Amino acid sequence: MQSNGSGVVAARFRLHLRCEQCVTECKRILDVPRADDAPTDIEELLESAFLRRQNFICGVCESPIGVIAAVAKLRVPDLAQT
């Protein structure tokens, strides 16, 4: 779950996920590409179709079912200054 490669990111989140089968916990960074309806805060992300389209595969047991345990919004570096 990374950015789409376009370099234009509306928001960045850290997802804390828990596998429903083996209860392994992991973290993933999710970059939201800039779009008219892009979620830019945690509440918008949790209600978004963008999040529902994301896939999860456990790295331990390969289960496709994960639960979001926590979400943190991260700062997006200003790409114009790099």
N, C-alpha and C. Protein backbone atom coordinates (compact mmCIF):
# COMPACT_ATOMS: atom_id res chain seq x y z
N MET A 1 0.85 -1.17 0.00
CA MET A 1 0.00 0.00 0.00
C MET A 1 0.89 1.23 0.00
N GLN A 2 1.30 1.63 -1.14
CA GLN A 2 2.11 2.81 -1.28
C GLN A 2 1.45 3.75 -2.27
N SER A 3 2.12 4.86 -2.54
CA SER A 3 1.55 5.81 -3.48
C SER A 3 1.52 5.24 -4.88
N ASN A 4 0.72 5.84 -5.74
CA ASN A 4 0.54 5.33 -7.08
C ASN A 4 1.67 5.70 -8.03
N GLY A 5 2.71 6.33 -7.53
CA GLY A 5 3.85 6.65 -8.35
C GLY A 5 3.77 8.02 -9.01
N SER A 6 2.64 8.68 -8.93
CA SER A 6 2.50 9.99 -9.56
C SER A 6 3.21 11.08 -8.78
N GLY A 7 3.51 10.84 -7.51
CA GLY A 7 4.19 11.83 -6.69
C GLY A 7 3.26 12.85 -6.07
N VAL A 8 1.98 12.83 -6.40
CA VAL A 8 1.03 13.80 -5.85
C VAL A 8 0.19 13.08 -4.80
N VAL A 9 0.50 13.38 -3.55
CA VAL A 9 -0.15 12.71 -2.42
C VAL A 9 -1.00 13.71 -1.66
N ALA A 10 -2.28 13.38 -1.46
CA ALA A 10 -3.18 14.25 -0.70
C ALA A 10 -3.01 14.06 0.80
N ALA A 11 -2.78 12.81 1.21
CA ALA A 11 -2.62 12.50 2.64
C ALA A 11 -1.87 11.19 2.78
N ARG A 12 -1.26 11.02 3.94
CA ARG A 12 -0.52 9.78 4.24
C ARG A 12 -0.94 9.30 5.62
N PHE A 13 -1.20 8.00 5.73
CA PHE A 13 -1.64 7.41 6.98
C PHE A 13 -0.81 6.17 7.31
N ARG A 14 -0.66 5.90 8.61
CA ARG A 14 -0.07 4.64 9.06
C ARG A 14 -1.22 3.80 9.61
N LEU A 15 -1.42 2.63 9.00
CA LEU A 15 -2.46 1.71 9.45
C LEU A 15 -1.82 0.64 10.33
N HIS A 16 -2.40 0.41 11.48
CA HIS A 16 -2.00 -0.69 12.35
C HIS A 16 -3.03 -1.78 12.12
N LEU A 17 -2.58 -2.90 11.57
CA LEU A 17 -3.49 -3.97 11.16
C LEU A 17 -3.26 -5.22 11.99
N ARG A 18 -4.32 -5.99 12.15
CA ARG A 18 -4.24 -7.27 12.87
C ARG A 18 -4.89 -8.33 11.99
N CYS A 19 -4.14 -9.40 11.74
CA CYS A 19 -4.67 -10.51 10.96
C CYS A 19 -5.78 -11.18 11.74
N GLU A 20 -6.89 -11.43 11.08
CA GLU A 20 -8.04 -12.05 11.72
C GLU A 20 -7.78 -13.53 12.03
N GLN A 21 -6.89 -14.17 11.27
CA GLN A 21 -6.65 -15.61 11.46
C GLN A 21 -5.56 -15.90 12.49
N CYS A 22 -4.37 -15.31 12.32
CA CYS A 22 -3.25 -15.65 13.21
C CYS A 22 -2.94 -14.56 14.23
N VAL A 23 -3.66 -13.45 14.20
CA VAL A 23 -3.57 -12.34 15.14
C VAL A 23 -2.21 -11.62 15.08
N THR A 24 -1.48 -11.80 14.00
CA THR A 24 -0.23 -11.06 13.81
C THR A 24 -0.56 -9.60 13.56
N GLU A 25 0.22 -8.71 14.15
CA GLU A 25 0.01 -7.29 13.94
C GLU A 25 1.10 -6.74 13.03
N CYS A 26 0.72 -5.79 12.17
CA CYS A 26 1.68 -5.15 11.28
C CYS A 26 1.27 -3.71 11.06
N LYS A 27 2.17 -2.96 10.46
CA LYS A 27 1.91 -1.56 10.12
C LYS A 27 2.10 -1.40 8.62
N ARG A 28 1.28 -0.57 8.03
CA ARG A 28 1.39 -0.25 6.61
C ARG A 28 1.23 1.25 6.43
N ILE A 29 1.99 1.80 5.50
CA ILE A 29 1.83 3.20 5.13
C ILE A 29 0.90 3.25 3.93
N LEU A 30 -0.10 4.11 4.00
CA LEU A 30 -1.07 4.26 2.92
C LEU A 30 -1.03 5.70 2.43
N ASP A 31 -0.60 5.87 1.18
CA ASP A 31 -0.60 7.19 0.54
C ASP A 31 -1.89 7.33 -0.26
N VAL A 32 -2.59 8.42 -0.04
CA VAL A 32 -3.84 8.71 -0.75
C VAL A 32 -3.51 9.68 -1.87
N PRO A 33 -3.72 9.26 -3.13
CA PRO A 33 -3.44 10.18 -4.24
C PRO A 33 -4.42 11.35 -4.25
N ARG A 34 -3.93 12.48 -4.72
CA ARG A 34 -4.76 13.68 -4.79
C ARG A 34 -5.90 13.47 -5.79
N ALA A 35 -7.12 13.71 -5.35
CA ALA A 35 -8.32 13.61 -6.18
C ALA A 35 -9.39 14.48 -5.53
N ASP A 36 -10.47 14.74 -6.25
CA ASP A 36 -11.53 15.60 -5.72
C ASP A 36 -12.10 15.09 -4.41
N ASP A 37 -12.27 13.77 -4.30
CA ASP A 37 -12.89 13.21 -3.10
C ASP A 37 -11.90 12.44 -2.22
N ALA A 38 -10.63 12.79 -2.31
CA ALA A 38 -9.59 12.08 -1.54
C ALA A 38 -9.76 12.33 -0.05
N PRO A 39 -9.74 11.26 0.76
CA PRO A 39 -9.82 11.45 2.22
C PRO A 39 -8.54 12.12 2.73
N THR A 40 -8.69 13.14 3.55
CA THR A 40 -7.53 13.87 4.06
C THR A 40 -7.41 13.82 5.58
N ASP A 41 -8.39 13.24 6.26
CA ASP A 41 -8.26 13.04 7.70
C ASP A 41 -8.72 11.62 8.04
N ILE A 42 -8.51 11.22 9.26
CA ILE A 42 -8.78 9.83 9.66
C ILE A 42 -10.25 9.47 9.50
N GLU A 43 -11.13 10.35 9.92
CA GLU A 43 -12.57 10.06 9.81
C GLU A 43 -12.98 9.86 8.35
N GLU A 44 -12.51 10.74 7.48
CA GLU A 44 -12.82 10.59 6.05
C GLU A 44 -12.24 9.29 5.49
N LEU A 45 -11.03 8.94 5.91
CA LEU A 45 -10.40 7.71 5.44
C LEU A 45 -11.23 6.49 5.84
N LEU A 46 -11.64 6.43 7.10
CA LEU A 46 -12.38 5.27 7.59
C LEU A 46 -13.73 5.09 6.90
N GLU A 47 -14.29 6.18 6.38
CA GLU A 47 -15.58 6.11 5.69
C GLU A 47 -15.43 6.02 4.16
N SER A 48 -14.20 6.00 3.66
CA SER A 48 -13.97 6.16 2.23
C SER A 48 -14.03 4.85 1.43
N ALA A 49 -14.43 5.00 0.20
CA ALA A 49 -14.37 3.89 -0.76
C ALA A 49 -12.91 3.57 -1.07
N PHE A 50 -12.04 4.56 -0.99
CA PHE A 50 -10.61 4.34 -1.23
C PHE A 50 -10.06 3.27 -0.29
N LEU A 51 -10.38 3.37 0.99
CA LEU A 51 -9.90 2.39 1.97
C LEU A 51 -10.50 1.02 1.70
N ARG A 52 -11.77 0.97 1.36
CA ARG A 52 -12.42 -0.32 1.08
C ARG A 52 -11.81 -1.03 -0.12
N ARG A 53 -11.19 -0.28 -1.03
CA ARG A 53 -10.56 -0.90 -2.20
C ARG A 53 -9.17 -1.44 -1.92
N GLN A 54 -8.61 -1.17 -0.76
CA GLN A 54 -7.26 -1.64 -0.43
C GLN A 54 -7.29 -3.13 -0.08
N ASN A 55 -6.23 -3.82 -0.45
CA ASN A 55 -6.12 -5.26 -0.17
C ASN A 55 -5.21 -5.50 1.02
N PHE A 56 -5.50 -6.57 1.75
CA PHE A 56 -4.66 -7.00 2.86
C PHE A 56 -4.34 -8.47 2.68
N ILE A 57 -3.07 -8.81 2.78
CA ILE A 57 -2.63 -10.21 2.82
C ILE A 57 -1.64 -10.32 3.96
N CYS A 58 -1.91 -11.18 4.91
CA CYS A 58 -1.02 -11.37 6.06
C CYS A 58 0.31 -11.94 5.57
N GLY A 59 1.39 -11.37 6.05
CA GLY A 59 2.72 -11.84 5.69
C GLY A 59 3.10 -13.15 6.35
N VAL A 60 2.36 -13.58 7.36
CA VAL A 60 2.66 -14.81 8.08
C VAL A 60 1.82 -15.98 7.55
N CYS A 61 0.50 -15.81 7.54
CA CYS A 61 -0.39 -16.93 7.18
C CYS A 61 -1.10 -16.74 5.84
N GLU A 62 -0.87 -15.56 5.20
CA GLU A 62 -1.46 -15.23 3.91
C GLU A 62 -2.98 -15.10 3.92
N SER A 63 -3.56 -14.88 5.09
CA SER A 63 -4.99 -14.65 5.18
C SER A 63 -5.33 -13.30 4.55
N PRO A 64 -6.43 -13.22 3.80
CA PRO A 64 -6.83 -11.95 3.20
C PRO A 64 -7.71 -11.08 4.10
N ILE A 65 -7.89 -11.48 5.37
CA ILE A 65 -8.78 -10.76 6.26
C ILE A 65 -7.97 -10.09 7.36
N GLY A 66 -8.02 -8.76 7.39
CA GLY A 66 -7.32 -8.01 8.42
C GLY A 66 -8.26 -6.99 9.04
N VAL A 67 -7.98 -6.63 10.27
CA VAL A 67 -8.77 -5.66 11.01
C VAL A 67 -7.89 -4.45 11.27
N ILE A 68 -8.44 -3.26 11.05
CA ILE A 68 -7.70 -2.04 11.36
C ILE A 68 -7.81 -1.81 12.86
N ALA A 69 -6.66 -1.85 13.54
CA ALA A 69 -6.63 -1.65 14.98
C ALA A 69 -6.45 -0.18 15.34
N ALA A 70 -5.73 0.56 14.49
CA ALA A 70 -5.49 1.99 14.74
C ALA A 70 -5.04 2.65 13.44
N VAL A 71 -5.24 3.96 13.39
CA VAL A 71 -4.82 4.76 12.23
C VAL A 71 -4.16 6.03 12.75
N ALA A 72 -3.05 6.39 12.15
CA ALA A 72 -2.39 7.66 12.48
C ALA A 72 -2.16 8.43 11.19
N LYS A 73 -2.44 9.72 11.23
CA LYS A 73 -2.16 10.57 10.07
C LYS A 73 -0.71 11.01 10.15
N LEU A 74 0.00 10.89 9.03
CA LEU A 74 1.40 11.28 8.96
C LEU A 74 1.55 12.54 8.13
N ARG A 75 2.62 13.24 8.35
CA ARG A 75 2.91 14.44 7.58
C ARG A 75 3.40 14.04 6.20
N VAL A 76 2.90 14.71 5.17
CA VAL A 76 3.34 14.49 3.81
C VAL A 76 4.41 15.52 3.51
N PRO A 77 5.64 15.08 3.18
CA PRO A 77 6.68 16.06 2.86
C PRO A 77 6.29 16.87 1.63
N ASP A 78 6.69 18.11 1.63
CA ASP A 78 6.42 18.97 0.47
C ASP A 78 7.33 18.53 -0.67
N LEU A 79 6.76 17.88 -1.66
CA LEU A 79 7.54 17.32 -2.76
C LEU A 79 8.17 18.42 -3.62
N ALA A 80 7.65 19.62 -3.61
CA ALA A 80 8.20 20.70 -4.42
C ALA A 80 9.55 21.17 -3.88
N GLN A 81 9.81 20.92 -2.59
CA GLN A 81 11.06 21.38 -1.98
C GLN A 81 12.18 20.35 -2.09
N THR A 82 11.89 19.16 -2.58
CA THR A 82 12.92 18.12 -2.67
C THR A 82 13.66 18.17 -3.96
